[in-house]
């Protein structure tokens, strides 16, 4: 597994997880349940997304397109 993205919060992490899953990419959200420890844990870098090494490039391209406002959902 390769870490590909550091999310600001669990909502963003799960939004991107869903986006990547529509692309057929299996995603794992790391640290999702650690957000409640803020104050005892560092504020950044807690919630990350990981994908299989073979899917990393496609996942990064989809996230970049989303952040640029250019992502289009695939038709089913």
PDB file of N, CA and C in Angstrom:
ATOM      1  N   UNK A   1       0.855  -1.184   0.000  1.00  0.00           N
ATOM      2  CA  UNK A   1       0.000   0.000   0.000  1.00  0.00           C
ATOM      3  C   UNK A   1       0.897   1.242   0.000  1.00  0.00           C
ATOM      4  N   UNK A   2       0.406   2.257  -0.669  1.00  0.00           N
ATOM      5  CA  UNK A   2       1.156   3.507  -0.758  1.00  0.00           C
ATOM      6  C   UNK A   2       0.264   4.661  -0.295  1.00  0.00           C
ATOM      7  N   UNK A   3       0.774   5.481   0.618  1.00  0.00           N
ATOM      8  CA  UNK A   3       0.055   6.679   1.046  1.00  0.00           C
ATOM      9  C   UNK A   3       0.078   7.673  -0.111  1.00  0.00           C
ATOM     10  N   UNK A   4      -1.102   8.159  -0.489  1.00  0.00           N
ATOM     11  CA  UNK A   4      -1.160   9.075  -1.634  1.00  0.00           C
ATOM     12  C   UNK A   4      -1.730  10.449  -1.296  1.00  0.00           C
ATOM     13  N   UNK A   5      -2.393  10.564  -0.132  1.00  0.00           N
ATOM     14  CA  UNK A   5      -3.065  11.832   0.143  1.00  0.00           C
ATOM     15  C   UNK A   5      -3.222  12.035   1.646  1.00  0.00           C
ATOM     16  N   UNK A   6      -3.041  13.259   2.079  1.00  0.00           N
ATOM     17  CA  UNK A   6      -3.271  13.637   3.473  1.00  0.00           C
ATOM     18  C   UNK A   6      -4.531  14.491   3.514  1.00  0.00           C
ATOM     19  N   UNK A   7      -5.583  13.954   4.122  1.00  0.00           N
ATOM     20  CA  UNK A   7      -6.872  14.641   4.168  1.00  0.00           C
ATOM     21  C   UNK A   7      -6.942  15.615   5.344  1.00  0.00           C
ATOM     22  N   UNK A   8      -7.738  16.658   5.166  1.00  0.00           N
ATOM     23  CA  UNK A   8      -7.920  17.648   6.231  1.00  0.00           C
ATOM     24  C   UNK A   8      -8.792  17.093   7.357  1.00  0.00           C
ATOM     25  N   UNK A   9      -9.729  16.201   7.007  1.00  0.00           N
ATOM     26  CA  UNK A   9     -10.650  15.628   7.993  1.00  0.00           C
ATOM     27  C   UNK A   9     -11.305  14.387   7.402  1.00  0.00           C
ATOM     28  N   UNK A  10     -12.079  13.687   8.207  1.00  0.00           N
ATOM     29  CA  UNK A  10     -12.676  12.426   7.763  1.00  0.00           C
ATOM     30  C   UNK A  10     -13.681  12.615   6.621  1.00  0.00           C
ATOM     31  N   UNK A  11     -14.356  13.744   6.583  1.00  0.00           N
ATOM     32  CA  UNK A  11     -15.318  13.978   5.503  1.00  0.00           C
ATOM     33  C   UNK A  11     -14.594  14.023   4.162  1.00  0.00           C
ATOM     34  N   UNK A  12     -13.503  14.771   4.094  1.00  0.00           N
ATOM     35  CA  UNK A  12     -12.733  14.840   2.853  1.00  0.00           C
ATOM     36  C   UNK A  12     -12.171  13.468   2.486  1.00  0.00           C
ATOM     37  N   UNK A  13     -11.658  12.755   3.469  1.00  0.00           N
ATOM     38  CA  UNK A  13     -11.089  11.430   3.220  1.00  0.00           C
ATOM     39  C   UNK A  13     -12.125  10.490   2.623  1.00  0.00           C
ATOM     40  N   UNK A  14     -13.315  10.483   3.170  1.00  0.00           N
ATOM     41  CA  UNK A  14     -14.352   9.579   2.682  1.00  0.00           C
ATOM     42  C   UNK A  14     -14.942  10.030   1.356  1.00  0.00           C
ATOM     43  N   UNK A  15     -14.982  11.326   1.114  1.00  0.00           N
ATOM     44  CA  UNK A  15     -15.408  11.837  -0.186  1.00  0.00           C
ATOM     45  C   UNK A  15     -14.448  11.346  -1.264  1.00  0.00           C
ATOM     46  N   UNK A  16     -13.149  11.497  -1.027  1.00  0.00           N
ATOM     47  CA  UNK A  16     -12.161  11.050  -1.999  1.00  0.00           C
ATOM     48  C   UNK A  16     -12.126   9.531  -2.114  1.00  0.00           C
ATOM     49  N   UNK A  17     -12.371   8.845  -1.030  1.00  0.00           N
ATOM     50  CA  UNK A  17     -12.440   7.381  -1.069  1.00  0.00           C
ATOM     51  C   UNK A  17     -13.553   6.952  -2.022  1.00  0.00           C
ATOM     52  N   UNK A  18     -14.718   7.567  -1.894  1.00  0.00           N
ATOM     53  CA  UNK A  18     -15.829   7.252  -2.783  1.00  0.00           C
ATOM     54  C   UNK A  18     -15.518   7.579  -4.230  1.00  0.00           C
ATOM     55  N   UNK A  19     -14.887   8.712  -4.463  1.00  0.00           N
ATOM     56  CA  UNK A  19     -14.508   9.112  -5.811  1.00  0.00           C
ATOM     57  C   UNK A  19     -13.578   8.060  -6.427  1.00  0.00           C
ATOM     58  N   UNK A  20     -12.564   7.649  -5.673  1.00  0.00           N
ATOM     59  CA  UNK A  20     -11.610   6.669  -6.190  1.00  0.00           C
ATOM     60  C   UNK A  20     -12.245   5.297  -6.384  1.00  0.00           C
ATOM     61  N   UNK A  21     -13.164   4.947  -5.517  1.00  0.00           N
ATOM     62  CA  UNK A  21     -13.849   3.660  -5.675  1.00  0.00           C
ATOM     63  C   UNK A  21     -14.702   3.634  -6.939  1.00  0.00           C
ATOM     64  N   UNK A  22     -15.243   4.787  -7.362  1.00  0.00           N
ATOM     65  CA  UNK A  22     -15.982   4.830  -8.625  1.00  0.00           C
ATOM     66  C   UNK A  22     -15.049   4.607  -9.805  1.00  0.00           C
ATOM     67  N   UNK A  23     -13.761   4.847  -9.596  1.00  0.00           N
ATOM     68  CA  UNK A  23     -12.753   4.604 -10.626  1.00  0.00           C
ATOM     69  C   UNK A  23     -12.263   3.151 -10.582  1.00  0.00           C
ATOM     70  N   UNK A  24     -12.793   2.370  -9.645  1.00  0.00           N
ATOM     71  CA  UNK A  24     -12.373   0.980  -9.520  1.00  0.00           C
ATOM     72  C   UNK A  24     -11.105   0.798  -8.709  1.00  0.00           C
ATOM     73  N   UNK A  25     -10.764   1.815  -7.916  1.00  0.00           N
ATOM     74  CA  UNK A  25      -9.545   1.775  -7.115  1.00  0.00           C
ATOM     75  C   UNK A  25      -9.912   1.480  -5.670  1.00  0.00           C
ATOM     76  N   UNK A  26      -9.316   0.449  -5.104  1.00  0.00           N
ATOM     77  CA  UNK A  26      -9.544   0.110  -3.703  1.00  0.00           C
ATOM     78  C   UNK A  26      -8.741   1.085  -2.836  1.00  0.00           C
ATOM     79  N   UNK A  27      -9.405   1.679  -1.844  1.00  0.00           N
ATOM     80  CA  UNK A  27      -8.798   2.723  -1.012  1.00  0.00           C
ATOM     81  C   UNK A  27      -8.945   2.367   0.450  1.00  0.00           C
ATOM     82  N   UNK A  28      -7.915   2.676   1.223  1.00  0.00           N
ATOM     83  CA  UNK A  28      -7.967   2.490   2.669  1.00  0.00           C
ATOM     84  C   UNK A  28      -7.750   3.841   3.339  1.00  0.00           C
ATOM     85  N   UNK A  29      -8.635   4.201   4.265  1.00  0.00           N
ATOM     86  CA  UNK A  29      -8.497   5.448   5.024  1.00  0.00           C
ATOM     87  C   UNK A  29      -7.747   5.118   6.314  1.00  0.00           C
ATOM     88  N   UNK A  30      -6.579   5.719   6.481  1.00  0.00           N
ATOM     89  CA  UNK A  30      -5.745   5.510   7.661  1.00  0.00           C
ATOM     90  C   UNK A  30      -6.007   6.613   8.686  1.00  0.00           C
ATOM     91  N   UNK A  31      -6.125   6.265   9.942  1.00  0.00           N
ATOM     92  CA  UNK A  31      -6.246   7.253  11.003  1.00  0.00           C
ATOM     93  C   UNK A  31      -7.604   7.898  11.130  1.00  0.00           C
ATOM     94  N   UNK A  32      -8.597   7.313  10.488  1.00  0.00           N
ATOM     95  CA  UNK A  32      -9.934   7.911  10.476  1.00  0.00           C
ATOM     96  C   UNK A  32     -10.479   8.135  11.890  1.00  0.00           C
ATOM     97  N   UNK A  33     -10.171   7.239  12.797  1.00  0.00           N
ATOM     98  CA  UNK A  33     -10.732   7.333  14.144  1.00  0.00           C
ATOM     99  C   UNK A  33      -9.807   8.035  15.128  1.00  0.00           C
ATOM    100  N   UNK A  34      -8.709   8.603  14.634  1.00  0.00           N
ATOM    101  CA  UNK A  34      -7.776   9.307  15.507  1.00  0.00           C
ATOM    102  C   UNK A  34      -8.108  10.786  15.658  1.00  0.00           C
ATOM    103  N   UNK A  35      -9.036  11.282  14.850  1.00  0.00           N
ATOM    104  CA  UNK A  35      -9.367  12.705  14.883  1.00  0.00           C
ATOM    105  C   UNK A  35      -9.851  13.140  16.266  1.00  0.00           C
ATOM    106  N   UNK A  36     -10.464  12.243  17.003  1.00  0.00           N
ATOM    107  CA  UNK A  36     -10.923  12.563  18.356  1.00  0.00           C
ATOM    108  C   UNK A  36      -9.782  12.800  19.322  1.00  0.00           C
ATOM    109  N   UNK A  37      -8.567  12.407  18.941  1.00  0.00           N
ATOM    110  CA  UNK A  37      -7.403  12.594  19.808  1.00  0.00           C
ATOM    111  C   UNK A  37      -6.690  13.911  19.594  1.00  0.00           C
ATOM    112  N   UNK A  38      -7.253  14.795  18.769  1.00  0.00           N
ATOM    113  CA  UNK A  38      -6.602  16.086  18.545  1.00  0.00           C
ATOM    114  C   UNK A  38      -6.480  16.798  19.875  1.00  0.00           C
ATOM    115  N   UNK A  39      -5.319  17.297  20.121  1.00  0.00           N
ATOM    116  CA  UNK A  39      -4.971  17.881  21.411  1.00  0.00           C
ATOM    117  C   UNK A  39      -3.890  17.016  22.038  1.00  0.00           C
ATOM    118  N   UNK A  40      -4.041  15.708  21.871  1.00  0.00           N
ATOM    119  CA  UNK A  40      -3.020  14.769  22.320  1.00  0.00           C
ATOM    120  C   UNK A  40      -2.143  14.330  21.153  1.00  0.00           C
ATOM    121  N   UNK A  41      -2.664  14.452  19.922  1.00  0.00           N
ATOM    122  CA  UNK A  41      -1.949  14.060  18.719  1.00  0.00           C
ATOM    123  C   UNK A  41      -1.668  15.292  17.875  1.00  0.00           C
ATOM    124  N   UNK A  42      -0.697  15.200  16.957  1.00  0.00           N
ATOM    125  CA  UNK A  42      -0.461  16.340  16.055  1.00  0.00           C
ATOM    126  C   UNK A  42      -1.721  16.627  15.230  1.00  0.00           C
ATOM    127  N   UNK A  43      -1.923  17.882  14.878  1.00  0.00           N
ATOM    128  CA  UNK A  43      -3.139  18.278  14.178  1.00  0.00           C
ATOM    129  C   UNK A  43      -3.113  17.847  12.714  1.00  0.00           C
ATOM    130  N   UNK A  44      -1.967  17.779  12.083  1.00  0.00           N
ATOM    131  CA  UNK A  44      -1.918  17.411  10.669  1.00  0.00           C
ATOM    132  C   UNK A  44      -1.309  16.035  10.473  1.00  0.00           C
ATOM    133  N   UNK A  45      -1.592  15.457   9.331  1.00  0.00           N
ATOM    134  CA  UNK A  45      -1.016  14.180   8.970  1.00  0.00           C
ATOM    135  C   UNK A  45      -1.664  12.979   9.617  1.00  0.00           C
ATOM    136  N   UNK A  46      -2.808  13.172  10.245  1.00  0.00           N
ATOM    137  CA  UNK A  46      -3.461  12.069  10.948  1.00  0.00           C
ATOM    138  C   UNK A  46      -4.227  11.173   9.981  1.00  0.00           C
ATOM    139  N   UNK A  47      -4.975  11.774   9.055  1.00  0.00           N
ATOM    140  CA  UNK A  47      -5.860  11.011   8.182  1.00  0.00           C
ATOM    141  C   UNK A  47      -5.263  10.986   6.772  1.00  0.00           C
ATOM    142  N   UNK A  48      -4.922   9.801   6.308  1.00  0.00           N
ATOM    143  CA  UNK A  48      -4.338   9.654   4.978  1.00  0.00           C
ATOM    144  C   UNK A  48      -5.084   8.589   4.191  1.00  0.00           C
ATOM    145  N   UNK A  49      -4.926   8.646   2.874  1.00  0.00           N
ATOM    146  CA  UNK A  49      -5.488   7.637   1.990  1.00  0.00           C
ATOM    147  C   UNK A  49      -4.356   6.792   1.437  1.00  0.00           C
ATOM    148  N   UNK A  50      -4.588   5.494   1.362  1.00  0.00           N
ATOM    149  CA  UNK A  50      -3.617   4.568   0.791  1.00  0.00           C
ATOM    150  C   UNK A  50      -4.286   3.736  -0.289  1.00  0.00           C
ATOM    151  N   UNK A  51      -3.503   3.418  -1.317  1.00  0.00           N
ATOM    152  CA  UNK A  51      -3.960   2.541  -2.393  1.00  0.00           C
ATOM    153  C   UNK A  51      -2.847   1.557  -2.714  1.00  0.00           C
ATOM    154  N   UNK A  52      -3.196   0.530  -3.487  1.00  0.00           N
ATOM    155  CA  UNK A  52      -2.176  -0.407  -3.951  1.00  0.00           C
ATOM    156  C   UNK A  52      -1.196   0.349  -4.850  1.00  0.00           C
ATOM    157  N   UNK A  53       0.045  -0.061  -4.822  1.00  0.00           N
ATOM    158  CA  UNK A  53       1.102   0.595  -5.604  1.00  0.00           C
ATOM    159  C   UNK A  53       0.713   0.723  -7.080  1.00  0.00           C
ATOM    160  N   UNK A  54       0.105  -0.305  -7.650  1.00  0.00           N
ATOM    161  CA  UNK A  54      -0.279  -0.287  -9.069  1.00  0.00           C
ATOM    162  C   UNK A  54      -1.354   0.740  -9.386  1.00  0.00           C
ATOM    163  N   UNK A  55      -2.131   1.150  -8.392  1.00  0.00           N
ATOM    164  CA  UNK A  55      -3.221   2.117  -8.590  1.00  0.00           C
ATOM    165  C   UNK A  55      -2.834   3.550  -8.237  1.00  0.00           C
ATOM    166  N   UNK A  56      -1.626   3.748  -7.730  1.00  0.00           N
ATOM    167  CA  UNK A  56      -1.232   5.059  -7.206  1.00  0.00           C
ATOM    168  C   UNK A  56      -1.299   6.164  -8.253  1.00  0.00           C
ATOM    169  N   UNK A  57      -0.773   5.931  -9.442  1.00  0.00           N
ATOM    170  CA  UNK A  57      -0.777   6.981 -10.470  1.00  0.00           C
ATOM    171  C   UNK A  57      -2.191   7.381 -10.875  1.00  0.00           C
ATOM    172  N   UNK A  58      -3.045   6.393 -11.090  1.00  0.00           N
ATOM    173  CA  UNK A  58      -4.437   6.691 -11.474  1.00  0.00           C
ATOM    174  C   UNK A  58      -5.161   7.421 -10.349  1.00  0.00           C
ATOM    175  N   UNK A  59      -4.901   7.017  -9.115  1.00  0.00           N
ATOM    176  CA  UNK A  59      -5.541   7.668  -7.972  1.00  0.00           C
ATOM    177  C   UNK A  59      -5.093   9.123  -7.852  1.00  0.00           C
ATOM    178  N   UNK A  60      -3.812   9.369  -8.007  1.00  0.00           N
ATOM    179  CA  UNK A  60      -3.298  10.738  -7.922  1.00  0.00           C
ATOM    180  C   UNK A  60      -3.863  11.620  -9.038  1.00  0.00           C
ATOM    181  N   UNK A  61      -3.997  11.075 -10.239  1.00  0.00           N
ATOM    182  CA  UNK A  61      -4.571  11.841 -11.353  1.00  0.00           C
ATOM    183  C   UNK A  61      -6.024  12.200 -11.073  1.00  0.00           C
ATOM    184  N   UNK A  62      -6.786  11.254 -10.535  1.00  0.00           N
ATOM    185  CA  UNK A  62      -8.194  11.521 -10.222  1.00  0.00           C
ATOM    186  C   UNK A  62      -8.310  12.588  -9.136  1.00  0.00           C
ATOM    187  N   UNK A  63      -7.466  12.525  -8.113  1.00  0.00           N
ATOM    188  CA  UNK A  63      -7.496  13.525  -7.040  1.00  0.00           C
ATOM    189  C   UNK A  63      -7.096  14.892  -7.569  1.00  0.00           C
ATOM    190  N   UNK A  64      -6.072  14.944  -8.414  1.00  0.00           N
ATOM    191  CA  UNK A  64      -5.650  16.222  -9.007  1.00  0.00           C
ATOM    192  C   UNK A  64      -6.771  16.829  -9.845  1.00  0.00           C
ATOM    193  N   UNK A  65      -7.460  16.004 -10.633  1.00  0.00           N
ATOM    194  CA  UNK A  65      -8.577  16.495 -11.447  1.00  0.00           C
ATOM    195  C   UNK A  65      -9.698  17.012 -10.553  1.00  0.00           C
ATOM    196  N   UNK A  66      -9.981  16.301  -9.473  1.00  0.00           N
ATOM    197  CA  UNK A  66     -11.017  16.738  -8.527  1.00  0.00           C
ATOM    198  C   UNK A  66     -10.654  18.093  -7.922  1.00  0.00           C
ATOM    199  N   UNK A  67      -9.414  18.226  -7.457  1.00  0.00           N
ATOM    200  CA  UNK A  67      -8.990  19.482  -6.826  1.00  0.00           C
ATOM    201  C   UNK A  67      -8.998  20.646  -7.813  1.00  0.00           C
ATOM    202  N   UNK A  68      -8.772  20.364  -9.094  1.00  0.00           N
ATOM    203  CA  UNK A  68      -8.775  21.404 -10.121  1.00  0.00           C
ATOM    204  C   UNK A  68     -10.186  21.698 -10.627  1.00  0.00           C
ATOM    205  N   UNK A  69     -11.184  20.947 -10.132  1.00  0.00           N
ATOM    206  CA  UNK A  69     -12.562  21.144 -10.568  1.00  0.00           C
ATOM    207  C   UNK A  69     -12.827  20.552 -11.946  1.00  0.00           C
ATOM    208  N   UNK A  70     -11.966  19.636 -12.386  1.00  0.00           N
ATOM    209  CA  UNK A  70     -12.085  19.055 -13.715  1.00  0.00           C
ATOM    210  C   UNK A  70     -12.513  17.596 -13.702  1.00  0.00           C
ATOM    211  N   UNK A  71     -12.828  17.042 -12.537  1.00  0.00           N
ATOM    212  CA  UNK A  71     -13.177  15.628 -12.446  1.00  0.00           C
ATOM    213  C   UNK A  71     -14.596  15.400 -12.932  1.00  0.00           C
ATOM    214  N   UNK A  72     -14.766  14.392 -13.759  1.00  0.00           N
ATOM    215  CA  UNK A  72     -16.091  14.004 -14.234  1.00  0.00           C
ATOM    216  C   UNK A  72     -16.329  12.554 -13.855  1.00  0.00           C
ATOM    217  N   UNK A  73     -17.470  12.297 -13.232  1.00  0.00           N
ATOM    218  CA  UNK A  73     -17.823  10.929 -12.871  1.00  0.00           C
ATOM    219  C   UNK A  73     -18.032  10.096 -14.126  1.00  0.00           C
ATOM    220  N   UNK A  74     -17.612   8.848 -14.031  1.00  0.00           N
ATOM    221  CA  UNK A  74     -17.823   7.922 -15.133  1.00  0.00           C
ATOM    222  C   UNK A  74     -19.306   7.563 -15.193  1.00  0.00           C
ATOM    223  N   UNK A  75     -19.831   7.383 -16.388  1.00  0.00           N
ATOM    224  CA  UNK A  75     -21.216   6.921 -16.546  1.00  0.00           C
ATOM    225  C   UNK A  75     -21.277   5.443 -16.251  1.00  0.00           C
ATOM    226  N   UNK A  76     -22.369   5.016 -15.641  1.00  0.00           N
ATOM    227  CA  UNK A  76     -22.486   3.577 -15.357  1.00  0.00           C
ATOM    228  C   UNK A  76     -23.204   2.846 -16.442  1.00  0.00           C
TER     229      UNK A  76
END
